[in-house]
């Protein structure tokens, strides 16, 4: 354990799990996509599904998808910025089965038609765990 496990990351938002971790998940999805997104569906599980509006998880996921770091103040306006960029967004409450309570399935489509889907969990302190990528079970942190 190090000091950052205790203090958490520099971030925008009230929660390292619901905002910093969510921003990292969105950012990873955007990096894997490798091109500007045109559509994104977020399937929110567990506590993500129950508290995403109040904790800014929706804004953090989209901010990450737009390439914003966890401390980027534009996260607060990410939904509006995505709308200006003509990115179609949808948020769905769902049950993803036996996964961490802060888990989201992200399906994002790029300008070329490329689609990336991943399932990742925000496990605390801004840390994430990817458990499925492109339909294949995986286990990595994204760091």
C-alpha atoms as a PDB file:
ATOM      1  CA  UNK A   1       0.000   0.000   0.000  1.00  0.00           C
ATOM      2  CA  UNK A   2       1.262   3.482  -0.778  1.00  0.00           C
ATOM      3  CA  UNK A   3       0.179   7.009   0.102  1.00  0.00           C
ATOM      4  CA  UNK A   4      -1.975   7.259  -3.071  1.00  0.00           C
ATOM      5  CA  UNK A   5      -3.995   4.202  -2.008  1.00  0.00           C
ATOM      6  CA  UNK A   6      -4.935   6.122   1.141  1.00  0.00           C
ATOM      7  CA  UNK A   7      -5.415   9.628  -0.256  1.00  0.00           C
ATOM      8  CA  UNK A   8      -6.700   8.811  -3.725  1.00  0.00           C
ATOM      9  CA  UNK A   9      -6.039  10.690  -6.967  1.00  0.00           C
ATOM     10  CA  UNK A  10      -6.240  14.376  -7.753  1.00  0.00           C
ATOM     11  CA  UNK A  11      -9.721  14.564  -9.215  1.00  0.00           C
ATOM     12  CA  UNK A  12     -12.918  16.427  -9.973  1.00  0.00           C
ATOM     13  CA  UNK A  13     -15.950  15.099  -8.167  1.00  0.00           C
ATOM     14  CA  UNK A  14     -17.048  13.773  -4.849  1.00  0.00           C
ATOM     15  CA  UNK A  15     -15.801  10.186  -5.066  1.00  0.00           C
ATOM     16  CA  UNK A  16     -12.640   8.455  -6.199  1.00  0.00           C
ATOM     17  CA  UNK A  17     -14.702   5.374  -7.066  1.00  0.00           C
ATOM     18  CA  UNK A  18     -17.638   7.056  -8.772  1.00  0.00           C
ATOM     19  CA  UNK A  19     -15.803   9.862 -10.546  1.00  0.00           C
ATOM     20  CA  UNK A  20     -12.030   9.295 -10.788  1.00  0.00           C
ATOM     21  CA  UNK A  21     -12.368   5.573 -11.499  1.00  0.00           C
ATOM     22  CA  UNK A  22     -15.225   6.213 -13.915  1.00  0.00           C
ATOM     23  CA  UNK A  23     -13.175   8.831 -15.775  1.00  0.00           C
ATOM     24  CA  UNK A  24     -10.326   6.341 -16.120  1.00  0.00           C
ATOM     25  CA  UNK A  25     -12.705   3.702 -17.482  1.00  0.00           C
ATOM     26  CA  UNK A  26     -14.083   6.147 -20.052  1.00  0.00           C
ATOM     27  CA  UNK A  27     -10.594   7.287 -21.003  1.00  0.00           C
ATOM     28  CA  UNK A  28      -9.411   3.711 -21.481  1.00  0.00           C
ATOM     29  CA  UNK A  29     -12.399   3.005 -23.748  1.00  0.00           C
ATOM     30  CA  UNK A  30     -11.493   6.065 -25.832  1.00  0.00           C
ATOM     31  CA  UNK A  31      -7.825   5.075 -26.051  1.00  0.00           C
ATOM     32  CA  UNK A  32      -8.728   1.553 -27.183  1.00  0.00           C
ATOM     33  CA  UNK A  33     -11.178   2.981 -29.739  1.00  0.00           C
ATOM     34  CA  UNK A  34      -8.379   5.141 -31.129  1.00  0.00           C
ATOM     35  CA  UNK A  35     -10.636   7.544 -33.011  1.00  0.00           C
ATOM     36  CA  UNK A  36     -13.309  10.133 -32.197  1.00  0.00           C
ATOM     37  CA  UNK A  37     -16.451   8.531 -30.774  1.00  0.00           C
ATOM     38  CA  UNK A  38     -19.860   9.099 -32.340  1.00  0.00           C
ATOM     39  CA  UNK A  39     -21.964   6.968 -29.994  1.00  0.00           C
ATOM     40  CA  UNK A  40     -21.553   5.522 -26.515  1.00  0.00           C
ATOM     41  CA  UNK A  41     -23.785   3.314 -24.399  1.00  0.00           C
ATOM     42  CA  UNK A  42     -23.003   2.923 -20.707  1.00  0.00           C
ATOM     43  CA  UNK A  43     -24.568  -0.027 -18.865  1.00  0.00           C
ATOM     44  CA  UNK A  44     -24.309   0.824 -15.168  1.00  0.00           C
ATOM     45  CA  UNK A  45     -24.328  -1.931 -12.553  1.00  0.00           C
ATOM     46  CA  UNK A  46     -24.821  -1.939  -8.787  1.00  0.00           C
ATOM     47  CA  UNK A  47     -24.003   1.270  -6.955  1.00  0.00           C
ATOM     48  CA  UNK A  48     -22.977   2.892 -10.241  1.00  0.00           C
ATOM     49  CA  UNK A  49     -26.566   2.392 -11.410  1.00  0.00           C
ATOM     50  CA  UNK A  50     -28.052   3.681  -8.172  1.00  0.00           C
ATOM     51  CA  UNK A  51     -25.936   6.814  -7.675  1.00  0.00           C
ATOM     52  CA  UNK A  52     -24.473   7.780 -11.053  1.00  0.00           C
ATOM     53  CA  UNK A  53     -26.376  11.071 -11.361  1.00  0.00           C
ATOM     54  CA  UNK A  54     -25.626  12.348  -7.867  1.00  0.00           C
ATOM     55  CA  UNK A  55     -21.980  11.321  -7.916  1.00  0.00           C
ATOM     56  CA  UNK A  56     -21.258  12.545 -11.439  1.00  0.00           C
ATOM     57  CA  UNK A  57     -20.387   9.089 -12.725  1.00  0.00           C
ATOM     58  CA  UNK A  58     -22.134   9.871 -16.018  1.00  0.00           C
ATOM     59  CA  UNK A  59     -20.076  13.057 -16.485  1.00  0.00           C
ATOM     60  CA  UNK A  60     -16.877  11.282 -15.466  1.00  0.00           C
ATOM     61  CA  UNK A  61     -17.391   8.394 -17.909  1.00  0.00           C
ATOM     62  CA  UNK A  62     -18.062  10.815 -20.756  1.00  0.00           C
ATOM     63  CA  UNK A  63     -15.228  13.126 -19.725  1.00  0.00           C
ATOM     64  CA  UNK A  64     -12.850  10.185 -19.808  1.00  0.00           C
ATOM     65  CA  UNK A  65     -14.167   9.141 -23.195  1.00  0.00           C
ATOM     66  CA  UNK A  66     -13.419  12.672 -24.399  1.00  0.00           C
ATOM     67  CA  UNK A  67      -9.842  12.202 -23.172  1.00  0.00           C
ATOM     68  CA  UNK A  68     -10.048  14.251 -19.981  1.00  0.00           C
ATOM     69  CA  UNK A  69      -7.824  13.387 -17.029  1.00  0.00           C
ATOM     70  CA  UNK A  70      -9.374  12.839 -13.597  1.00  0.00           C
ATOM     71  CA  UNK A  71      -8.496  16.412 -12.529  1.00  0.00           C
ATOM     72  CA  UNK A  72      -9.738  18.125 -15.688  1.00  0.00           C
ATOM     73  CA  UNK A  73     -12.436  20.638 -14.769  1.00  0.00           C
ATOM     74  CA  UNK A  74     -14.126  20.079 -18.141  1.00  0.00           C
ATOM     75  CA  UNK A  75     -15.518  16.837 -16.688  1.00  0.00           C
ATOM     76  CA  UNK A  76     -18.281  18.963 -15.182  1.00  0.00           C
ATOM     77  CA  UNK A  77     -19.382  20.021 -18.691  1.00  0.00           C
ATOM     78  CA  UNK A  78     -18.624  16.722 -20.425  1.00  0.00           C
ATOM     79  CA  UNK A  79     -22.254  15.904 -21.282  1.00  0.00           C
ATOM     80  CA  UNK A  80     -22.707  19.291 -22.928  1.00  0.00           C
ATOM     81  CA  UNK A  81     -19.345  19.001 -24.715  1.00  0.00           C
ATOM     82  CA  UNK A  82     -20.291  15.560 -26.036  1.00  0.00           C
ATOM     83  CA  UNK A  83     -23.604  16.939 -27.270  1.00  0.00           C
ATOM     84  CA  UNK A  84     -21.783  19.780 -29.070  1.00  0.00           C
ATOM     85  CA  UNK A  85     -19.531  17.159 -30.678  1.00  0.00           C
ATOM     86  CA  UNK A  86     -22.679  15.280 -31.818  1.00  0.00           C
ATOM     87  CA  UNK A  87     -21.835  12.182 -29.754  1.00  0.00           C
ATOM     88  CA  UNK A  88     -24.958  10.168 -28.969  1.00  0.00           C
ATOM     89  CA  UNK A  89     -24.977   9.043 -25.339  1.00  0.00           C
ATOM     90  CA  UNK A  90     -27.196   6.594 -23.487  1.00  0.00           C
ATOM     91  CA  UNK A  91     -27.096   5.424 -19.879  1.00  0.00           C
ATOM     92  CA  UNK A  92     -28.779   2.180 -18.873  1.00  0.00           C
ATOM     93  CA  UNK A  93     -29.239   0.632 -15.439  1.00  0.00           C
ATOM     94  CA  UNK A  94     -28.515  -3.082 -15.647  1.00  0.00           C
ATOM     95  CA  UNK A  95     -27.387  -6.161 -13.761  1.00  0.00           C
ATOM     96  CA  UNK A  96     -24.023  -7.379 -15.059  1.00  0.00           C
ATOM     97  CA  UNK A  97     -24.000 -10.428 -12.805  1.00  0.00           C
ATOM     98  CA  UNK A  98     -21.307 -11.370 -10.312  1.00  0.00           C
ATOM     99  CA  UNK A  99     -19.058  -8.308 -10.629  1.00  0.00           C
ATOM    100  CA  UNK A 100     -17.892  -5.473  -8.382  1.00  0.00           C
ATOM    101  CA  UNK A 101     -20.736  -3.062  -7.437  1.00  0.00           C
ATOM    102  CA  UNK A 102     -19.040  -0.157  -9.258  1.00  0.00           C
ATOM    103  CA  UNK A 103     -19.006  -1.761 -12.696  1.00  0.00           C
ATOM    104  CA  UNK A 104     -19.934  -0.455 -16.120  1.00  0.00           C
ATOM    105  CA  UNK A 105     -20.118  -1.989 -19.564  1.00  0.00           C
ATOM    106  CA  UNK A 106     -19.103   0.564 -22.187  1.00  0.00           C
ATOM    107  CA  UNK A 107     -19.961   0.113 -25.858  1.00  0.00           C
ATOM    108  CA  UNK A 108     -18.520   2.904 -27.956  1.00  0.00           C
ATOM    109  CA  UNK A 109     -18.634   3.397 -31.736  1.00  0.00           C
ATOM    110  CA  UNK A 110     -16.109   5.493 -33.629  1.00  0.00           C
ATOM    111  CA  UNK A 111     -16.359   7.582 -36.778  1.00  0.00           C
ATOM    112  CA  UNK A 112     -15.145   4.699 -38.953  1.00  0.00           C
ATOM    113  CA  UNK A 113     -17.741   2.312 -37.510  1.00  0.00           C
ATOM    114  CA  UNK A 114     -15.241   0.569 -35.238  1.00  0.00           C
ATOM    115  CA  UNK A 115     -16.863  -0.677 -32.019  1.00  0.00           C
ATOM    116  CA  UNK A 116     -15.168  -1.284 -28.696  1.00  0.00           C
ATOM    117  CA  UNK A 117     -16.867  -2.861 -25.738  1.00  0.00           C
ATOM    118  CA  UNK A 118     -15.390  -3.348 -22.338  1.00  0.00           C
ATOM    119  CA  UNK A 119     -16.545  -4.137 -18.834  1.00  0.00           C
ATOM    120  CA  UNK A 120     -14.588  -2.471 -16.061  1.00  0.00           C
ATOM    121  CA  UNK A 121     -14.916  -1.833 -12.350  1.00  0.00           C
ATOM    122  CA  UNK A 122     -13.868   1.128 -10.256  1.00  0.00           C
ATOM    123  CA  UNK A 123     -12.329  -0.612  -7.265  1.00  0.00           C
ATOM    124  CA  UNK A 124     -11.517   2.368  -5.049  1.00  0.00           C
ATOM    125  CA  UNK A 125      -8.971   5.146  -4.882  1.00  0.00           C
ATOM    126  CA  UNK A 126      -9.464   5.879  -8.572  1.00  0.00           C
ATOM    127  CA  UNK A 127      -8.150   2.435  -9.511  1.00  0.00           C
ATOM    128  CA  UNK A 128      -9.898   0.328 -12.132  1.00  0.00           C
ATOM    129  CA  UNK A 129     -10.031  -3.310 -13.159  1.00  0.00           C
ATOM    130  CA  UNK A 130     -11.013  -4.355 -16.687  1.00  0.00           C
ATOM    131  CA  UNK A 131     -12.729  -7.750 -16.630  1.00  0.00           C
ATOM    132  CA  UNK A 132     -13.938  -8.094 -20.217  1.00  0.00           C
ATOM    133  CA  UNK A 133     -12.680  -6.623 -23.476  1.00  0.00           C
ATOM    134  CA  UNK A 134     -14.306  -7.244 -26.855  1.00  0.00           C
ATOM    135  CA  UNK A 135     -16.210 -10.195 -25.385  1.00  0.00           C
ATOM    136  CA  UNK A 136     -13.116 -11.872 -23.918  1.00  0.00           C
ATOM    137  CA  UNK A 137     -12.548 -12.277 -20.188  1.00  0.00           C
ATOM    138  CA  UNK A 138      -9.457 -10.320 -19.105  1.00  0.00           C
ATOM    139  CA  UNK A 139      -7.994  -9.037 -15.872  1.00  0.00           C
ATOM    140  CA  UNK A 140      -5.881  -5.897 -15.985  1.00  0.00           C
ATOM    141  CA  UNK A 141      -5.700  -2.493 -14.349  1.00  0.00           C
ATOM    142  CA  UNK A 142      -5.300  -0.257 -17.382  1.00  0.00           C
ATOM    143  CA  UNK A 143      -2.213   1.383 -15.879  1.00  0.00           C
END
